[in-house]
Amino acid sequence: MNSLIGILIAIGAFFSILRLIQGPTTPDRVVAVDTLNVIITGSIVFLSYIFKSELYLDIALVYGALSFLETVVIARYLEGKK
């Protein structure tokens, strides 16, 4: 079961990176980066489950908060460019 979850996370990351590279517009790339951040946060939570360590959950929480802040800042910047 753990390997299946790892494979699904890798597939999701692959398609997000593909959209990041090929994205025709900047908002497409921003959404791809946000999706990658969510995948990374989920991966950290998955590592917490595998290693039975609650420290990873704290790291995932901080990473998720910083990821959200980054997305809001980039969205406001792009909104101001119009």
C-alpha atoms as a PDB file:
ATOM      1  CA  MET A   1       0.000   0.000   0.000  1.00  0.00           C
ATOM      2  CA  ASN A   2       2.840   2.405   0.809  1.00  0.00           C
ATOM      3  CA  SER A   3       4.443   1.858  -2.586  1.00  0.00           C
ATOM      4  CA  LEU A   4       1.115   2.559  -4.316  1.00  0.00           C
ATOM      5  CA  ILE A   5       0.794   5.859  -2.472  1.00  0.00           C
ATOM      6  CA  GLY A   6       4.377   6.743  -3.394  1.00  0.00           C
ATOM      7  CA  ILE A   7       3.713   5.962  -7.052  1.00  0.00           C
ATOM      8  CA  LEU A   8       0.560   8.091  -7.082  1.00  0.00           C
ATOM      9  CA  ILE A   9       2.422  10.997  -5.480  1.00  0.00           C
ATOM     10  CA  ALA A  10       5.194  10.667  -8.078  1.00  0.00           C
ATOM     11  CA  ILE A  11       2.689  10.626 -10.949  1.00  0.00           C
ATOM     12  CA  GLY A  12       0.975  13.735  -9.599  1.00  0.00           C
ATOM     13  CA  ALA A  13       4.308  15.505  -9.207  1.00  0.00           C
ATOM     14  CA  PHE A  14       5.307  14.526 -12.753  1.00  0.00           C
ATOM     15  CA  PHE A  15       2.174  16.034 -14.277  1.00  0.00           C
ATOM     16  CA  SER A  16       2.516  19.176 -12.168  1.00  0.00           C
ATOM     17  CA  ILE A  17       6.109  19.649 -13.285  1.00  0.00           C
ATOM     18  CA  LEU A  18       5.003  19.070 -16.866  1.00  0.00           C
ATOM     19  CA  ARG A  19       2.399  21.838 -16.516  1.00  0.00           C
ATOM     20  CA  LEU A  20       5.005  24.067 -14.885  1.00  0.00           C
ATOM     21  CA  ILE A  21       7.316  23.663 -17.866  1.00  0.00           C
ATOM     22  CA  GLN A  22       4.686  23.772 -20.628  1.00  0.00           C
ATOM     23  CA  GLY A  23       2.222  26.202 -19.069  1.00  0.00           C
ATOM     24  CA  PRO A  24       1.322  28.722 -21.754  1.00  0.00           C
ATOM     25  CA  THR A  25       0.542  31.492 -19.269  1.00  0.00           C
ATOM     26  CA  THR A  26       1.970  32.642 -15.973  1.00  0.00           C
ATOM     27  CA  PRO A  27      -1.190  31.805 -13.977  1.00  0.00           C
ATOM     28  CA  ASP A  28      -0.934  28.222 -15.269  1.00  0.00           C
ATOM     29  CA  ARG A  29       2.572  28.040 -13.884  1.00  0.00           C
ATOM     30  CA  VAL A  30       1.476  29.522 -10.556  1.00  0.00           C
ATOM     31  CA  VAL A  31      -1.245  26.887 -10.233  1.00  0.00           C
ATOM     32  CA  ALA A  32       1.316  24.182 -11.076  1.00  0.00           C
ATOM     33  CA  VAL A  33       3.666  25.447  -8.359  1.00  0.00           C
ATOM     34  CA  ASP A  34       0.797  25.544  -5.869  1.00  0.00           C
ATOM     35  CA  THR A  35      -0.157  21.987  -6.805  1.00  0.00           C
ATOM     36  CA  LEU A  36       3.450  20.885  -6.342  1.00  0.00           C
ATOM     37  CA  ASN A  37       3.474  22.503  -2.912  1.00  0.00           C
ATOM     38  CA  VAL A  38       0.343  20.581  -1.938  1.00  0.00           C
ATOM     39  CA  ILE A  39       1.918  17.352  -3.219  1.00  0.00           C
ATOM     40  CA  ILE A  40       5.090  18.050  -1.236  1.00  0.00           C
ATOM     41  CA  THR A  41       3.050  18.754   1.901  1.00  0.00           C
ATOM     42  CA  GLY A  42       1.193  15.485   1.417  1.00  0.00           C
ATOM     43  CA  SER A  43       4.490  13.690   0.890  1.00  0.00           C
ATOM     44  CA  ILE A  44       5.820  15.047   4.169  1.00  0.00           C
ATOM     45  CA  VAL A  45       2.680  13.820   5.946  1.00  0.00           C
ATOM     46  CA  PHE A  46       3.148  10.436   4.268  1.00  0.00           C
ATOM     47  CA  LEU A  47       6.754  10.344   5.525  1.00  0.00           C
ATOM     48  CA  SER A  48       5.422  11.083   8.996  1.00  0.00           C
ATOM     49  CA  TYR A  49       3.233   8.002   8.712  1.00  0.00           C
ATOM     50  CA  ILE A  50       6.056   5.821   7.405  1.00  0.00           C
ATOM     51  CA  PHE A  51       8.617   6.862  10.016  1.00  0.00           C
ATOM     52  CA  LYS A  52       6.055   7.171  12.849  1.00  0.00           C
ATOM     53  CA  SER A  53       7.396  10.612  13.724  1.00  0.00           C
ATOM     54  CA  GLU A  54       5.175  13.534  14.650  1.00  0.00           C
ATOM     55  CA  LEU A  55       7.958  16.003  13.890  1.00  0.00           C
ATOM     56  CA  TYR A  56       7.195  15.659  10.185  1.00  0.00           C
ATOM     57  CA  LEU A  57       3.638  16.824  10.819  1.00  0.00           C
ATOM     58  CA  ASP A  58       4.952  20.061  12.314  1.00  0.00           C
ATOM     59  CA  ILE A  59       7.212  20.516   9.311  1.00  0.00           C
ATOM     60  CA  ALA A  60       4.292  19.860   6.946  1.00  0.00           C
ATOM     61  CA  LEU A  61       2.156  22.416   8.779  1.00  0.00           C
ATOM     62  CA  VAL A  62       4.806  25.132   8.512  1.00  0.00           C
ATOM     63  CA  TYR A  63       5.548  24.244   4.887  1.00  0.00           C
ATOM     64  CA  GLY A  64       1.845  24.370   4.025  1.00  0.00           C
ATOM     65  CA  ALA A  65       1.439  27.777   5.662  1.00  0.00           C
ATOM     66  CA  LEU A  66       4.455  29.181   3.819  1.00  0.00           C
ATOM     67  CA  SER A  67       3.188  27.660   0.589  1.00  0.00           C
ATOM     68  CA  PHE A  68      -0.172  29.358   1.035  1.00  0.00           C
ATOM     69  CA  LEU A  69       1.529  32.677   1.762  1.00  0.00           C
ATOM     70  CA  GLU A  70       3.682  32.299  -1.350  1.00  0.00           C
ATOM     71  CA  THR A  71       0.634  31.635  -3.519  1.00  0.00           C
ATOM     72  CA  VAL A  72      -1.208  34.666  -2.155  1.00  0.00           C
ATOM     73  CA  VAL A  73       1.800  36.946  -2.707  1.00  0.00           C
ATOM     74  CA  ILE A  74       2.307  35.759  -6.281  1.00  0.00           C
ATOM     75  CA  ALA A  75      -1.415  36.083  -7.056  1.00  0.00           C
ATOM     76  CA  ARG A  76      -1.487  39.644  -5.720  1.00  0.00           C
ATOM     77  CA  TYR A  77       1.617  40.494  -7.739  1.00  0.00           C
ATOM     78  CA  LEU A  78       0.077  39.098 -10.930  1.00  0.00           C
ATOM     79  CA  GLU A  79      -3.179  40.918 -10.229  1.00  0.00           C
ATOM     80  CA  GLY A  80      -1.301  44.196  -9.922  1.00  0.00           C
ATOM     81  CA  LYS A  81       0.431  43.719 -13.279  1.00  0.00           C
ATOM     82  CA  LYS A  82      -2.865  43.935 -15.197  1.00  0.00           C
END
